[in-house]
N, C-alpha and C. Protein backbone atom coordinates (compact mmCIF):
# COMPACT_ATOMS: atom_id res chain seq x y z
N MET A 1 110.30 112.10 74.99
CA MET A 1 109.90 110.93 75.71
C MET A 1 108.95 111.36 76.83
N PHE A 2 107.98 110.53 77.12
CA PHE A 2 106.96 110.82 78.12
C PHE A 2 107.35 110.21 79.47
N ASN A 3 107.38 111.03 80.52
CA ASN A 3 107.76 110.56 81.85
C ASN A 3 106.51 110.48 82.73
N ILE A 4 106.14 109.28 83.11
CA ILE A 4 104.93 109.09 83.90
C ILE A 4 105.11 109.58 85.34
N GLY A 5 106.33 109.65 85.83
CA GLY A 5 106.58 110.11 87.20
C GLY A 5 106.15 111.55 87.41
N ASN A 6 106.40 112.43 86.43
CA ASN A 6 105.99 113.83 86.53
C ASN A 6 104.47 113.97 86.50
N LEU A 7 103.80 113.12 85.74
CA LEU A 7 102.35 113.17 85.67
C LEU A 7 101.73 112.76 87.00
N MET A 8 102.27 111.77 87.65
CA MET A 8 101.72 111.30 88.92
C MET A 8 101.95 112.30 90.05
N ASP A 9 102.98 113.13 89.96
CA ASP A 9 103.24 114.12 91.00
C ASP A 9 102.21 115.24 91.01
N THR A 10 101.58 115.50 89.89
CA THR A 10 100.64 116.62 89.83
C THR A 10 99.19 116.19 89.97
N VAL A 11 98.91 114.92 90.11
CA VAL A 11 97.53 114.43 90.15
C VAL A 11 97.01 114.46 91.58
N THR A 12 95.88 115.13 91.79
CA THR A 12 95.18 115.08 93.07
C THR A 12 93.71 114.82 92.79
N LEU A 13 93.08 114.05 93.62
CA LEU A 13 91.68 113.74 93.45
C LEU A 13 90.78 114.60 94.33
N LEU A 14 91.37 115.50 95.10
CA LEU A 14 90.62 116.39 95.96
C LEU A 14 90.53 117.78 95.33
N PRO A 15 89.50 118.54 95.67
CA PRO A 15 89.41 119.90 95.13
C PRO A 15 90.56 120.79 95.61
N ASP A 16 90.82 121.83 94.86
CA ASP A 16 91.94 122.73 95.19
C ASP A 16 91.74 123.43 96.52
N TRP A 17 90.51 123.79 96.87
CA TRP A 17 90.28 124.48 98.14
C TRP A 17 90.59 123.57 99.31
N PHE A 18 90.35 122.27 99.16
CA PHE A 18 90.65 121.34 100.26
C PHE A 18 92.15 121.10 100.38
N VAL A 19 92.83 121.04 99.26
CA VAL A 19 94.28 120.88 99.28
C VAL A 19 94.93 122.10 99.93
N ALA A 20 94.33 123.29 99.73
CA ALA A 20 94.87 124.51 100.31
C ALA A 20 94.72 124.54 101.82
N ILE A 21 93.61 124.00 102.35
CA ILE A 21 93.41 124.03 103.80
C ILE A 21 93.86 122.74 104.48
N LEU A 22 94.46 121.83 103.72
CA LEU A 22 94.88 120.54 104.29
C LEU A 22 95.85 120.68 105.47
N PRO A 23 96.84 121.57 105.45
CA PRO A 23 97.70 121.70 106.64
C PRO A 23 96.94 122.15 107.88
N ILE A 24 95.99 123.06 107.74
CA ILE A 24 95.19 123.50 108.88
C ILE A 24 94.33 122.35 109.38
N TYR A 25 93.73 121.62 108.46
CA TYR A 25 92.91 120.45 108.78
C TYR A 25 93.70 119.43 109.58
N ARG A 26 94.93 119.16 109.15
CA ARG A 26 95.76 118.17 109.85
C ARG A 26 96.18 118.67 111.23
N ASN A 27 96.50 119.94 111.36
CA ASN A 27 96.89 120.48 112.66
C ASN A 27 95.74 120.42 113.65
N VAL A 28 94.55 120.77 113.22
CA VAL A 28 93.38 120.72 114.10
C VAL A 28 93.09 119.28 114.50
N THR A 29 93.20 118.36 113.56
CA THR A 29 92.95 116.95 113.86
C THR A 29 93.99 116.42 114.85
N LEU A 30 95.24 116.80 114.69
CA LEU A 30 96.28 116.37 115.63
C LEU A 30 96.05 116.93 117.03
N ILE A 31 95.60 118.17 117.12
CA ILE A 31 95.31 118.75 118.43
C ILE A 31 94.15 118.02 119.09
N LEU A 32 93.12 117.67 118.33
CA LEU A 32 91.99 116.92 118.89
C LEU A 32 92.40 115.53 119.34
N ILE A 33 93.28 114.88 118.58
CA ILE A 33 93.79 113.56 118.99
C ILE A 33 94.57 113.68 120.29
N ALA A 34 95.40 114.70 120.40
CA ALA A 34 96.19 114.89 121.62
C ALA A 34 95.30 115.16 122.83
N LEU A 35 94.27 115.99 122.66
CA LEU A 35 93.35 116.27 123.77
C LEU A 35 92.60 115.02 124.20
N CYS A 36 92.13 114.24 123.24
CA CYS A 36 91.43 113.00 123.58
C CYS A 36 92.37 112.01 124.27
N ALA A 37 93.62 111.98 123.85
CA ALA A 37 94.59 111.08 124.47
C ALA A 37 94.85 111.47 125.92
N VAL A 38 94.96 112.77 126.18
CA VAL A 38 95.17 113.23 127.56
C VAL A 38 93.96 112.90 128.43
N VAL A 39 92.77 113.14 127.90
CA VAL A 39 91.55 112.80 128.64
C VAL A 39 91.48 111.30 128.90
N LEU A 40 91.85 110.50 127.91
CA LEU A 40 91.84 109.05 128.07
C LEU A 40 92.81 108.61 129.17
N ILE A 41 93.99 109.18 129.20
CA ILE A 41 94.97 108.83 130.23
C ILE A 41 94.45 109.20 131.61
N VAL A 42 93.89 110.39 131.76
CA VAL A 42 93.38 110.83 133.06
C VAL A 42 92.22 109.95 133.53
N VAL A 43 91.32 109.62 132.62
CA VAL A 43 90.15 108.81 132.99
C VAL A 43 90.58 107.40 133.37
N VAL A 44 91.54 106.83 132.68
CA VAL A 44 92.01 105.49 133.03
C VAL A 44 92.69 105.50 134.39
N LEU A 45 93.43 106.55 134.69
CA LEU A 45 94.09 106.63 136.00
C LEU A 45 93.10 106.86 137.14
N MET A 46 91.94 107.44 136.84
CA MET A 46 90.93 107.68 137.87
C MET A 46 90.13 106.43 138.22
N GLN A 47 90.16 105.42 137.36
CA GLN A 47 89.38 104.20 137.61
C GLN A 47 90.01 103.39 138.72
N THR A 48 89.15 102.70 139.47
CA THR A 48 89.65 101.83 140.53
C THR A 48 89.92 100.46 139.97
N SER A 49 90.84 99.77 140.59
CA SER A 49 91.15 98.42 140.13
C SER A 49 90.19 97.42 140.77
N ALA A 50 89.98 96.31 140.09
CA ALA A 50 89.05 95.28 140.57
C ALA A 50 89.84 94.14 141.22
N GLN A 51 90.55 94.44 142.27
CA GLN A 51 91.38 93.43 142.91
C GLN A 51 90.58 92.48 143.79
N ASN A 52 89.46 92.90 144.32
CA ASN A 52 88.70 92.05 145.22
C ASN A 52 87.58 91.29 144.50
N SER A 53 87.69 91.10 143.20
CA SER A 53 86.64 90.41 142.47
C SER A 53 86.60 88.92 142.78
N GLY A 54 87.72 88.34 143.18
CA GLY A 54 87.74 86.92 143.52
C GLY A 54 87.34 86.64 144.96
N ALA A 55 87.09 87.66 145.76
CA ALA A 55 86.75 87.46 147.16
C ALA A 55 85.38 86.82 147.33
N SER A 56 84.48 87.05 146.40
CA SER A 56 83.14 86.48 146.53
C SER A 56 83.17 84.96 146.36
N ALA A 57 84.14 84.44 145.64
CA ALA A 57 84.25 82.99 145.48
C ALA A 57 84.67 82.33 146.79
N LEU A 58 85.48 83.02 147.58
CA LEU A 58 85.93 82.46 148.85
C LEU A 58 84.89 82.63 149.95
N THR A 59 84.19 83.74 149.96
CA THR A 59 83.24 84.01 151.03
C THR A 59 81.85 83.46 150.74
N GLY A 60 81.53 83.21 149.49
CA GLY A 60 80.22 82.68 149.16
C GLY A 60 79.14 83.74 149.07
N ILE A 61 79.52 85.00 149.14
CA ILE A 61 78.55 86.08 149.08
C ILE A 61 78.17 86.31 147.61
N THR A 62 76.87 86.34 147.37
CA THR A 62 76.41 86.64 146.02
C THR A 62 76.33 88.14 145.84
N GLU A 63 75.78 88.56 144.74
CA GLU A 63 75.74 89.99 144.45
C GLU A 63 74.85 90.73 145.43
N SER A 64 75.32 91.88 145.83
CA SER A 64 74.56 92.71 146.75
C SER A 64 73.68 93.67 145.97
N TYR A 65 72.91 94.47 146.69
CA TYR A 65 72.07 95.47 146.05
C TYR A 65 72.92 96.47 145.29
N TYR A 66 74.05 96.83 145.88
CA TYR A 66 74.96 97.78 145.23
C TYR A 66 75.50 97.21 143.92
N ALA A 67 75.86 95.93 143.91
CA ALA A 67 76.41 95.32 142.71
C ALA A 67 75.35 95.18 141.63
N GLN A 68 74.11 94.98 142.02
CA GLN A 68 73.04 94.85 141.03
C GLN A 68 72.71 96.20 140.39
N ASN A 69 72.83 97.28 141.15
CA ASN A 69 72.53 98.61 140.64
C ASN A 69 73.80 99.40 140.36
N LYS A 70 74.71 98.78 139.69
CA LYS A 70 76.01 99.35 139.43
C LYS A 70 76.01 100.32 138.24
N ARG A 71 74.90 100.46 137.59
CA ARG A 71 74.81 101.21 136.36
C ARG A 71 75.17 102.68 136.52
N ASN A 72 74.90 103.26 137.66
CA ASN A 72 75.10 104.70 137.84
C ASN A 72 76.32 105.06 138.69
N THR A 73 77.20 104.13 138.90
CA THR A 73 78.35 104.42 139.74
C THR A 73 79.40 105.21 138.97
N LYS A 74 80.36 105.73 139.72
CA LYS A 74 81.43 106.52 139.13
C LYS A 74 82.29 105.68 138.18
N ASP A 75 82.56 104.44 138.56
CA ASP A 75 83.40 103.59 137.73
C ASP A 75 82.76 103.28 136.38
N ILE A 76 81.46 103.07 136.38
CA ILE A 76 80.79 102.79 135.12
C ILE A 76 80.83 104.02 134.21
N ARG A 77 80.62 105.20 134.79
CA ARG A 77 80.71 106.42 133.99
C ARG A 77 82.12 106.61 133.43
N LEU A 78 83.13 106.30 134.24
CA LEU A 78 84.50 106.42 133.76
C LEU A 78 84.80 105.42 132.65
N LYS A 79 84.24 104.22 132.75
CA LYS A 79 84.44 103.23 131.69
C LYS A 79 83.77 103.67 130.39
N ARG A 80 82.60 104.30 130.50
CA ARG A 80 81.93 104.81 129.31
C ARG A 80 82.74 105.94 128.66
N ILE A 81 83.27 106.83 129.49
CA ILE A 81 84.11 107.91 128.96
C ILE A 81 85.36 107.34 128.31
N THR A 82 85.92 106.29 128.90
CA THR A 82 87.10 105.65 128.34
C THR A 82 86.81 105.10 126.95
N SER A 83 85.71 104.39 126.82
CA SER A 83 85.40 103.81 125.51
C SER A 83 85.04 104.90 124.50
N ILE A 84 84.38 105.96 124.92
CA ILE A 84 84.06 107.06 124.00
C ILE A 84 85.34 107.74 123.51
N CYS A 85 86.27 107.98 124.43
CA CYS A 85 87.54 108.62 124.04
C CYS A 85 88.36 107.72 123.11
N ALA A 86 88.37 106.42 123.39
CA ALA A 86 89.13 105.50 122.53
C ALA A 86 88.53 105.43 121.13
N ILE A 87 87.22 105.39 121.03
CA ILE A 87 86.57 105.36 119.71
C ILE A 87 86.80 106.69 118.99
N THR A 88 86.76 107.80 119.72
CA THR A 88 87.00 109.11 119.12
C THR A 88 88.41 109.21 118.57
N ILE A 89 89.39 108.71 119.31
CA ILE A 89 90.77 108.72 118.83
C ILE A 89 90.90 107.87 117.57
N LEU A 90 90.26 106.72 117.56
CA LEU A 90 90.31 105.85 116.38
C LEU A 90 89.73 106.55 115.16
N VAL A 91 88.58 107.17 115.32
CA VAL A 91 87.94 107.87 114.21
C VAL A 91 88.79 109.06 113.74
N LEU A 92 89.35 109.81 114.68
CA LEU A 92 90.17 110.97 114.31
C LEU A 92 91.44 110.55 113.57
N ILE A 93 92.01 109.43 113.94
CA ILE A 93 93.21 108.95 113.24
C ILE A 93 92.86 108.54 111.82
N VAL A 94 91.72 107.88 111.65
CA VAL A 94 91.30 107.52 110.30
C VAL A 94 91.02 108.78 109.48
N VAL A 95 90.35 109.77 110.09
CA VAL A 95 90.05 111.02 109.41
C VAL A 95 91.34 111.77 109.06
N TYR A 96 92.35 111.65 109.89
CA TYR A 96 93.63 112.32 109.63
C TYR A 96 94.32 111.74 108.40
N PHE A 97 94.27 110.42 108.24
CA PHE A 97 95.01 109.80 107.16
C PHE A 97 94.24 109.61 105.86
N VAL A 98 92.94 109.76 105.84
CA VAL A 98 92.17 109.56 104.62
C VAL A 98 92.54 110.54 103.51
N PRO A 99 92.69 111.84 103.76
CA PRO A 99 93.06 112.74 102.64
C PRO A 99 94.41 112.40 102.02
N SER A 100 95.32 111.81 102.77
CA SER A 100 96.63 111.48 102.19
C SER A 100 96.52 110.33 101.19
N LEU A 101 95.43 109.59 101.21
CA LEU A 101 95.24 108.55 100.21
C LEU A 101 94.89 109.13 98.84
N PHE A 102 94.31 110.33 98.84
CA PHE A 102 93.84 110.92 97.60
C PHE A 102 94.75 112.00 97.04
N THR A 103 95.80 112.34 97.76
CA THR A 103 96.73 113.35 97.27
C THR A 103 98.13 112.78 97.21
N THR A 104 98.92 113.35 96.36
CA THR A 104 100.35 113.01 96.32
C THR A 104 101.10 114.31 96.55
N MET A 105 101.68 114.42 97.71
CA MET A 105 102.37 115.67 98.06
C MET A 105 103.86 115.45 98.04
C-alpha cells in the first residue's frame, strides 16, 4: 500500500545547500530582528512627547520659524529611524518565515 504521508515528509522545494544552511540563516535573522528591536525601543524612548500641541489653539499663535523648518530637528530624525527600524523588522520577519513555506521539516 502507498502511504502519501511518507512522501510529503521528504519533499523540499529548496536546494540541498540551502536546507543545510537553514539553521544558520534563521539564527542570523533572529539576531538581526533582536538588534533592530532594541534599537527601535531605544529610539522610541528618546523621542519627546507632543503634549503642548494643543497650546497653540488657546494662545492663537501660528507656526513659528522653528516649526516651519522642523525637517532637520532631532525628533524628525528619530521618527525616521523609528520607521526604518519598524520596516526592517517587518521585512526580516517575512524573510525568516518564507523558507518554512517551501520545506517540510
